[in-house]
Structures are given as structure tokens and as C-alpha cells.
């Protein structure tokens, strides 16, 4: 049984210190492939380390990933 999606939002709108689960990645095949190669896929739980003034920094396990605002806005989380 699939969980009910509650308020999907863009990763770029999530404040620092929050943990979210990646629901979907909006964009073309290139964006999806690039993010997968960086270690981000739907279903992953990530922590927002920094969001403001420069690239967004997220933590996926022990992997720190820097994302620009354009890319982070294409990642839907819940």
C-alpha cells in the first residue's frame, strides 16, 4: 500500500535542520541522471544542512552534496 502524499514541496523551500524524503525529481533525463550519480534518488531521506546564501547543502547518509537553487527546486520532497 502506497503512503498518502502529504504536502509535497520543493527541496529549495525546506529550512535548515529538517529531514525529508525525496518523493520525485522533476526535469528531464539529464537532471535525473546527474542527481542519481551524485547520490540522490527518490525514496532517499536527506537532511538539509544549509539553505540560504549560496548553494544548498544536503546530507545523504555521510555524503554531503551541494545543490544550486535551480536543481534543488526540481526535487520534490515530503
PDB file of N, CA and C in Angstrom:
ATOM      1  N   UNK A   1       0.840  -1.180   0.000  1.00  0.00           N
ATOM      2  CA  UNK A   1       0.000   0.000   0.000  1.00  0.00           C
ATOM      3  C   UNK A   1       0.884   1.242   0.000  1.00  0.00           C
ATOM      4  N   UNK A   2       0.614   2.161  -0.900  1.00  0.00           N
ATOM      5  CA  UNK A   2       1.403   3.384  -1.010  1.00  0.00           C
ATOM      6  C   UNK A   2       0.984   4.390   0.047  1.00  0.00           C
ATOM      7  N   UNK A   3       1.941   5.069   0.670  1.00  0.00           N
ATOM      8  CA  UNK A   3       1.566   6.101   1.635  1.00  0.00           C
ATOM      9  C   UNK A   3       0.917   7.280   0.932  1.00  0.00           C
ATOM     10  N   UNK A   4       0.043   7.956   1.629  1.00  0.00           N
ATOM     11  CA  UNK A   4      -0.610   9.136   1.079  1.00  0.00           C
ATOM     12  C   UNK A   4       0.383  10.286   1.107  1.00  0.00           C
ATOM     13  N   UNK A   5       0.533  10.932  -0.025  1.00  0.00           N
ATOM     14  CA  UNK A   5       1.469  12.049  -0.113  1.00  0.00           C
ATOM     15  C   UNK A   5       0.900  13.246   0.628  1.00  0.00           C
ATOM     16  N   UNK A   6       1.647  13.750   1.574  1.00  0.00           N
ATOM     17  CA  UNK A   6       1.209  14.900   2.361  1.00  0.00           C
ATOM     18  C   UNK A   6       2.053  16.111   1.996  1.00  0.00           C
ATOM     19  N   UNK A   7       1.470  17.040   1.295  1.00  0.00           N
ATOM     20  CA  UNK A   7       2.097  18.319   1.039  1.00  0.00           C
ATOM     21  C   UNK A   7       3.480  18.220   0.395  1.00  0.00           C
ATOM     22  N   UNK A   8       3.586  17.715  -0.849  1.00  0.00           N
ATOM     23  CA  UNK A   8       4.902  17.686  -1.497  1.00  0.00           C
ATOM     24  C   UNK A   8       5.378  19.112  -1.747  1.00  0.00           C
ATOM     25  N   UNK A   9       6.657  19.359  -1.486  1.00  0.00           N
ATOM     26  CA  UNK A   9       7.227  20.694  -1.672  1.00  0.00           C
ATOM     27  C   UNK A   9       8.574  20.576  -2.355  1.00  0.00           C
ATOM     28  N   UNK A  10       9.010  21.677  -2.866  1.00  0.00           N
ATOM     29  CA  UNK A  10      10.325  21.754  -3.467  1.00  0.00           C
ATOM     30  C   UNK A  10      11.384  21.721  -2.361  1.00  0.00           C
ATOM     31  N   UNK A  11      12.461  21.014  -2.598  1.00  0.00           N
ATOM     32  CA  UNK A  11      13.554  20.948  -1.627  1.00  0.00           C
ATOM     33  C   UNK A  11      14.075  22.343  -1.295  1.00  0.00           C
ATOM     34  N   UNK A  12      14.063  23.243  -2.254  1.00  0.00           N
ATOM     35  CA  UNK A  12      14.591  24.597  -2.027  1.00  0.00           C
ATOM     36  C   UNK A  12      13.792  25.372  -0.979  1.00  0.00           C
ATOM     37  N   UNK A  13      12.573  24.918  -0.659  1.00  0.00           N
ATOM     38  CA  UNK A  13      11.737  25.622   0.325  1.00  0.00           C
ATOM     39  C   UNK A  13      11.877  25.063   1.741  1.00  0.00           C
ATOM     40  N   UNK A  14      12.705  24.064   1.927  1.00  0.00           N
ATOM     41  CA  UNK A  14      12.837  23.409   3.229  1.00  0.00           C
ATOM     42  C   UNK A  14      13.912  24.116   4.063  1.00  0.00           C
ATOM     43  N   UNK A  15      13.588  24.517   5.288  1.00  0.00           N
ATOM     44  CA  UNK A  15      14.578  25.198   6.136  1.00  0.00           C
ATOM     45  C   UNK A  15      15.666  24.248   6.631  1.00  0.00           C
ATOM     46  N   UNK A  16      16.771  24.844   7.023  1.00  0.00           N
ATOM     47  CA  UNK A  16      17.894  24.092   7.586  1.00  0.00           C
ATOM     48  C   UNK A  16      17.447  23.297   8.803  1.00  0.00           C
ATOM     49  N   UNK A  17      18.072  22.140   8.997  1.00  0.00           N
ATOM     50  CA  UNK A  17      17.809  21.327  10.173  1.00  0.00           C
ATOM     51  C   UNK A  17      16.669  20.336  10.020  1.00  0.00           C
ATOM     52  N   UNK A  18      16.047  20.278   8.856  1.00  0.00           N
ATOM     53  CA  UNK A  18      14.939  19.357   8.635  1.00  0.00           C
ATOM     54  C   UNK A  18      15.380  18.134   7.850  1.00  0.00           C
ATOM     55  N   UNK A  19      14.727  17.011   8.132  1.00  0.00           N
ATOM     56  CA  UNK A  19      14.940  15.766   7.384  1.00  0.00           C
ATOM     57  C   UNK A  19      13.703  15.541   6.525  1.00  0.00           C
ATOM     58  N   UNK A  20      13.923  15.215   5.256  1.00  0.00           N
ATOM     59  CA  UNK A  20      12.827  14.986   4.316  1.00  0.00           C
ATOM     60  C   UNK A  20      13.128  13.745   3.489  1.00  0.00           C
ATOM     61  N   UNK A  21      12.092  13.240   2.824  1.00  0.00           N
ATOM     62  CA  UNK A  21      12.248  12.103   1.914  1.00  0.00           C
ATOM     63  C   UNK A  21      12.007  12.596   0.497  1.00  0.00           C
ATOM     64  N   UNK A  22      12.891  12.222  -0.412  1.00  0.00           N
ATOM     65  CA  UNK A  22      12.723  12.613  -1.812  1.00  0.00           C
ATOM     66  C   UNK A  22      11.555  11.821  -2.389  1.00  0.00           C
ATOM     67  N   UNK A  23      10.573  12.554  -2.913  1.00  0.00           N
ATOM     68  CA  UNK A  23       9.393  11.934  -3.499  1.00  0.00           C
ATOM     69  C   UNK A  23       9.564  11.766  -5.005  1.00  0.00           C
ATOM     70  N   UNK A  24      10.030  12.817  -5.668  1.00  0.00           N
ATOM     71  CA  UNK A  24      10.163  12.782  -7.129  1.00  0.00           C
ATOM     72  C   UNK A  24      11.168  13.828  -7.560  1.00  0.00           C
ATOM     73  N   UNK A  25      11.686  13.649  -8.755  1.00  0.00           N
ATOM     74  CA  UNK A  25      12.590  14.635  -9.350  1.00  0.00           C
ATOM     75  C   UNK A  25      11.948  15.103 -10.641  1.00  0.00           C
ATOM     76  N   UNK A  26      11.626  16.377 -10.686  1.00  0.00           N
ATOM     77  CA  UNK A  26      11.027  16.978 -11.873  1.00  0.00           C
ATOM     78  C   UNK A  26      12.162  17.376 -12.818  1.00  0.00           C
ATOM     79  N   UNK A  27      11.963  17.169 -14.079  1.00  0.00           N
ATOM     80  CA  UNK A  27      13.000  17.536 -15.032  1.00  0.00           C
ATOM     81  C   UNK A  27      13.268  16.394 -15.987  1.00  0.00           C
ATOM     82  N   UNK A  28      14.165  16.642 -16.882  1.00  0.00           N
ATOM     83  CA  UNK A  28      14.472  15.666 -17.905  1.00  0.00           C
ATOM     84  C   UNK A  28      15.388  14.557 -17.437  1.00  0.00           C
ATOM     85  N   UNK A  29      15.686  13.689 -18.374  1.00  0.00           N
ATOM     86  CA  UNK A  29      16.532  12.540 -18.086  1.00  0.00           C
ATOM     87  C   UNK A  29      17.908  12.955 -17.610  1.00  0.00           C
ATOM     88  N   UNK A  30      18.437  14.041 -18.149  1.00  0.00           N
ATOM     89  CA  UNK A  30      19.754  14.514 -17.759  1.00  0.00           C
ATOM     90  C   UNK A  30      19.825  14.931 -16.300  1.00  0.00           C
ATOM     91  N   UNK A  31      18.809  15.640 -15.829  1.00  0.00           N
ATOM     92  CA  UNK A  31      18.762  16.076 -14.432  1.00  0.00           C
ATOM     93  C   UNK A  31      18.651  14.866 -13.521  1.00  0.00           C
ATOM     94  N   UNK A  32      17.775  13.937 -13.869  1.00  0.00           N
ATOM     95  CA  UNK A  32      17.595  12.733 -13.050  1.00  0.00           C
ATOM     96  C   UNK A  32      18.886  11.919 -12.973  1.00  0.00           C
ATOM     97  N   UNK A  33      19.544  11.759 -14.109  1.00  0.00           N
ATOM     98  CA  UNK A  33      20.795  11.001 -14.149  1.00  0.00           C
ATOM     99  C   UNK A  33      21.877  11.688 -13.324  1.00  0.00           C
ATOM    100  N   UNK A  34      22.002  12.991 -13.484  1.00  0.00           N
ATOM    101  CA  UNK A  34      23.018  13.744 -12.743  1.00  0.00           C
ATOM    102  C   UNK A  34      22.815  13.620 -11.238  1.00  0.00           C
ATOM    103  N   UNK A  35      21.572  13.758 -10.789  1.00  0.00           N
ATOM    104  CA  UNK A  35      21.288  13.651  -9.359  1.00  0.00           C
ATOM    105  C   UNK A  35      21.522  12.226  -8.848  1.00  0.00           C
ATOM    106  N   UNK A  36      21.164  11.231  -9.650  1.00  0.00           N
ATOM    107  CA  UNK A  36      21.403   9.845  -9.246  1.00  0.00           C
ATOM    108  C   UNK A  36      22.907   9.587  -9.114  1.00  0.00           C
ATOM    109  N   UNK A  37      23.687  10.111 -10.042  1.00  0.00           N
ATOM    110  CA  UNK A  37      25.140   9.957  -9.972  1.00  0.00           C
ATOM    111  C   UNK A  37      25.737  10.677  -8.765  1.00  0.00           C
ATOM    112  N   UNK A  38      25.074  11.744  -8.311  1.00  0.00           N
ATOM    113  CA  UNK A  38      25.527  12.477  -7.127  1.00  0.00           C
ATOM    114  C   UNK A  38      25.084  11.786  -5.840  1.00  0.00           C
ATOM    115  N   UNK A  39      24.198  10.797  -5.949  1.00  0.00           N
ATOM    116  CA  UNK A  39      23.755  10.059  -4.772  1.00  0.00           C
ATOM    117  C   UNK A  39      22.382  10.427  -4.270  1.00  0.00           C
ATOM    118  N   UNK A  40      21.543  11.034  -5.121  1.00  0.00           N
ATOM    119  CA  UNK A  40      20.185  11.422  -4.723  1.00  0.00           C
ATOM    120  C   UNK A  40      19.158  10.747  -5.625  1.00  0.00           C
ATOM    121  N   UNK A  41      18.266   9.966  -5.016  1.00  0.00           N
ATOM    122  CA  UNK A  41      17.225   9.258  -5.761  1.00  0.00           C
ATOM    123  C   UNK A  41      15.916   9.319  -4.976  1.00  0.00           C
ATOM    124  N   UNK A  42      14.778   9.164  -5.661  1.00  0.00           N
ATOM    125  CA  UNK A  42      13.506   9.102  -4.947  1.00  0.00           C
ATOM    126  C   UNK A  42      13.539   7.998  -3.895  1.00  0.00           C
ATOM    127  N   UNK A  43      12.975   8.304  -2.739  1.00  0.00           N
ATOM    128  CA  UNK A  43      12.967   7.369  -1.619  1.00  0.00           C
ATOM    129  C   UNK A  43      14.052   7.645  -0.594  1.00  0.00           C
ATOM    130  N   UNK A  44      15.111   8.377  -0.981  1.00  0.00           N
ATOM    131  CA  UNK A  44      16.192   8.701  -0.050  1.00  0.00           C
ATOM    132  C   UNK A  44      15.727   9.708   0.994  1.00  0.00           C
ATOM    133  N   UNK A  45      16.167   9.515   2.224  1.00  0.00           N
ATOM    134  CA  UNK A  45      15.929  10.503   3.273  1.00  0.00           C
ATOM    135  C   UNK A  45      17.187  11.343   3.408  1.00  0.00           C
ATOM    136  N   UNK A  46      17.006  12.663   3.348  1.00  0.00           N
ATOM    137  CA  UNK A  46      18.146  13.575   3.396  1.00  0.00           C
ATOM    138  C   UNK A  46      17.925  14.641   4.461  1.00  0.00           C
ATOM    139  N   UNK A  47      19.016  15.180   4.949  1.00  0.00           N
ATOM    140  CA  UNK A  47      18.989  16.265   5.929  1.00  0.00           C
ATOM    141  C   UNK A  47      19.433  17.549   5.248  1.00  0.00           C
ATOM    142  N   UNK A  48      18.712  18.639   5.511  1.00  0.00           N
ATOM    143  CA  UNK A  48      19.088  19.945   4.975  1.00  0.00           C
ATOM    144  C   UNK A  48      20.071  20.581   5.961  1.00  0.00           C
ATOM    145  N   UNK A  49      21.316  20.738   5.527  1.00  0.00           N
ATOM    146  CA  UNK A  49      22.367  21.305   6.369  1.00  0.00           C
ATOM    147  C   UNK A  49      22.411  22.813   6.227  1.00  0.00           C
ATOM    148  N   UNK A  50      22.309  23.307   4.978  1.00  0.00           N
ATOM    149  CA  UNK A  50      22.334  24.751   4.750  1.00  0.00           C
ATOM    150  C   UNK A  50      21.391  25.097   3.607  1.00  0.00           C
ATOM    151  N   UNK A  51      20.618  26.151   3.820  1.00  0.00           N
ATOM    152  CA  UNK A  51      19.728  26.647   2.776  1.00  0.00           C
ATOM    153  C   UNK A  51      19.652  28.164   2.895  1.00  0.00           C
ATOM    154  N   UNK A  52      20.474  28.816   2.166  1.00  0.00           N
ATOM    155  CA  UNK A  52      20.483  30.274   2.161  1.00  0.00           C
ATOM    156  C   UNK A  52      21.864  30.803   1.877  1.00  0.00           C
ATOM    157  N   UNK A  53      21.940  31.810   1.042  1.00  0.00           N
ATOM    158  CA  UNK A  53      23.225  32.436   0.754  1.00  0.00           C
ATOM    159  C   UNK A  53      24.220  31.500   0.109  1.00  0.00           C
ATOM    160  N   UNK A  54      23.966  31.103  -1.115  1.00  0.00           N
ATOM    161  CA  UNK A  54      24.872  30.204  -1.820  1.00  0.00           C
ATOM    162  C   UNK A  54      24.211  28.871  -2.075  1.00  0.00           C
ATOM    163  N   UNK A  55      25.009  27.866  -2.392  1.00  0.00           N
ATOM    164  CA  UNK A  55      24.410  26.568  -2.697  1.00  0.00           C
ATOM    165  C   UNK A  55      23.764  25.931  -1.474  1.00  0.00           C
ATOM    166  N   UNK A  56      22.758  25.142  -1.731  1.00  0.00           N
ATOM    167  CA  UNK A  56      22.097  24.378  -0.679  1.00  0.00           C
ATOM    168  C   UNK A  56      22.963  23.160  -0.392  1.00  0.00           C
ATOM    169  N   UNK A  57      23.142  22.843   0.881  1.00  0.00           N
ATOM    170  CA  UNK A  57      23.930  21.674   1.274  1.00  0.00           C
ATOM    171  C   UNK A  57      22.992  20.664   1.927  1.00  0.00           C
ATOM    172  N   UNK A  58      22.994  19.433   1.393  1.00  0.00           N
ATOM    173  CA  UNK A  58      22.198  18.361   1.978  1.00  0.00           C
ATOM    174  C   UNK A  58      23.111  17.207   2.348  1.00  0.00           C
ATOM    175  N   UNK A  59      22.643  16.395   3.263  1.00  0.00           N
ATOM    176  CA  UNK A  59      23.400  15.250   3.745  1.00  0.00           C
ATOM    177  C   UNK A  59      22.581  13.997   3.487  1.00  0.00           C
ATOM    178  N   UNK A  60      23.150  13.066   2.731  1.00  0.00           N
ATOM    179  CA  UNK A  60      22.512  11.781   2.463  1.00  0.00           C
ATOM    180  C   UNK A  60      23.417  10.709   3.062  1.00  0.00           C
ATOM    181  N   UNK A  61      23.079  10.273   4.268  1.00  0.00           N
ATOM    182  CA  UNK A  61      23.973   9.368   4.994  1.00  0.00           C
ATOM    183  C   UNK A  61      25.200  10.156   5.426  1.00  0.00           C
ATOM    184  N   UNK A  62      26.365   9.771   4.927  1.00  0.00           N
ATOM    185  CA  UNK A  62      27.594  10.509   5.236  1.00  0.00           C
ATOM    186  C   UNK A  62      28.040  11.380   4.066  1.00  0.00           C
ATOM    187  N   UNK A  63      27.265  11.410   3.003  1.00  0.00           N
ATOM    188  CA  UNK A  63      27.612  12.141   1.791  1.00  0.00           C
ATOM    189  C   UNK A  63      27.016  13.548   1.820  1.00  0.00           C
ATOM    190  N   UNK A  64      27.881  14.571   1.775  1.00  0.00           N
ATOM    191  CA  UNK A  64      27.428  15.968   1.680  1.00  0.00           C
ATOM    192  C   UNK A  64      27.366  16.357   0.215  1.00  0.00           C
ATOM    193  N   UNK A  65      26.239  16.967  -0.175  1.00  0.00           N
ATOM    194  CA  UNK A  65      26.022  17.325  -1.567  1.00  0.00           C
ATOM    195  C   UNK A  65      25.610  18.786  -1.645  1.00  0.00           C
ATOM    196  N   UNK A  66      26.271  19.546  -2.527  1.00  0.00           N
ATOM    197  CA  UNK A  66      25.929  20.949  -2.765  1.00  0.00           C
ATOM    198  C   UNK A  66      25.043  21.021  -4.008  1.00  0.00           C
ATOM    199  N   UNK A  67      23.925  21.735  -3.881  1.00  0.00           N
ATOM    200  CA  UNK A  67      22.974  21.880  -4.976  1.00  0.00           C
ATOM    201  C   UNK A  67      22.677  23.345  -5.214  1.00  0.00           C
ATOM    202  N   UNK A  68      22.633  23.746  -6.474  1.00  0.00           N
ATOM    203  CA  UNK A  68      22.204  25.088  -6.811  1.00  0.00           C
ATOM    204  C   UNK A  68      20.706  25.226  -6.617  1.00  0.00           C
ATOM    205  N   UNK A  69      20.217  26.457  -6.555  1.00  0.00           N
ATOM    206  CA  UNK A  69      18.786  26.695  -6.339  1.00  0.00           C
ATOM    207  C   UNK A  69      17.925  26.122  -7.469  1.00  0.00           C
ATOM    208  N   UNK A  70      18.416  26.185  -8.692  1.00  0.00           N
ATOM    209  CA  UNK A  70      17.640  25.643  -9.808  1.00  0.00           C
ATOM    210  C   UNK A  70      17.421  24.148  -9.707  1.00  0.00           C
ATOM    211  N   UNK A  71      18.472  23.427  -9.369  1.00  0.00           N
ATOM    212  CA  UNK A  71      18.365  21.975  -9.229  1.00  0.00           C
ATOM    213  C   UNK A  71      17.546  21.612  -7.994  1.00  0.00           C
ATOM    214  N   UNK A  72      17.783  22.289  -6.885  1.00  0.00           N
ATOM    215  CA  UNK A  72      17.049  21.958  -5.657  1.00  0.00           C
ATOM    216  C   UNK A  72      15.555  22.241  -5.811  1.00  0.00           C
ATOM    217  N   UNK A  73      15.187  23.160  -6.681  1.00  0.00           N
ATOM    218  CA  UNK A  73      13.760  23.447  -6.887  1.00  0.00           C
ATOM    219  C   UNK A  73      13.076  22.346  -7.694  1.00  0.00           C
ATOM    220  N   UNK A  74      13.850  21.480  -8.357  1.00  0.00           N
ATOM    221  CA  UNK A  74      13.279  20.390  -9.160  1.00  0.00           C
ATOM    222  C   UNK A  74      13.087  19.107  -8.362  1.00  0.00           C
ATOM    223  N   UNK A  75      13.557  19.108  -7.103  1.00  0.00           N
ATOM    224  CA  UNK A  75      13.438  17.929  -6.252  1.00  0.00           C
ATOM    225  C   UNK A  75      12.229  18.104  -5.359  1.00  0.00           C
ATOM    226  N   UNK A  76      11.235  17.222  -5.493  1.00  0.00           N
ATOM    227  CA  UNK A  76      10.040  17.267  -4.649  1.00  0.00           C
ATOM    228  C   UNK A  76      10.257  16.355  -3.451  1.00  0.00           C
ATOM    229  N   UNK A  77       9.928  16.884  -2.265  1.00  0.00           N
ATOM    230  CA  UNK A  77      10.144  16.142  -1.022  1.00  0.00           C
ATOM    231  C   UNK A  77       8.878  16.144  -0.195  1.00  0.00           C
ATOM    232  N   UNK A  78       8.843  15.237   0.779  1.00  0.00           N
ATOM    233  CA  UNK A  78       7.739  15.197   1.730  1.00  0.00           C
ATOM    234  C   UNK A  78       8.292  14.916   3.105  1.00  0.00           C
TER     235      UNK A  78
END
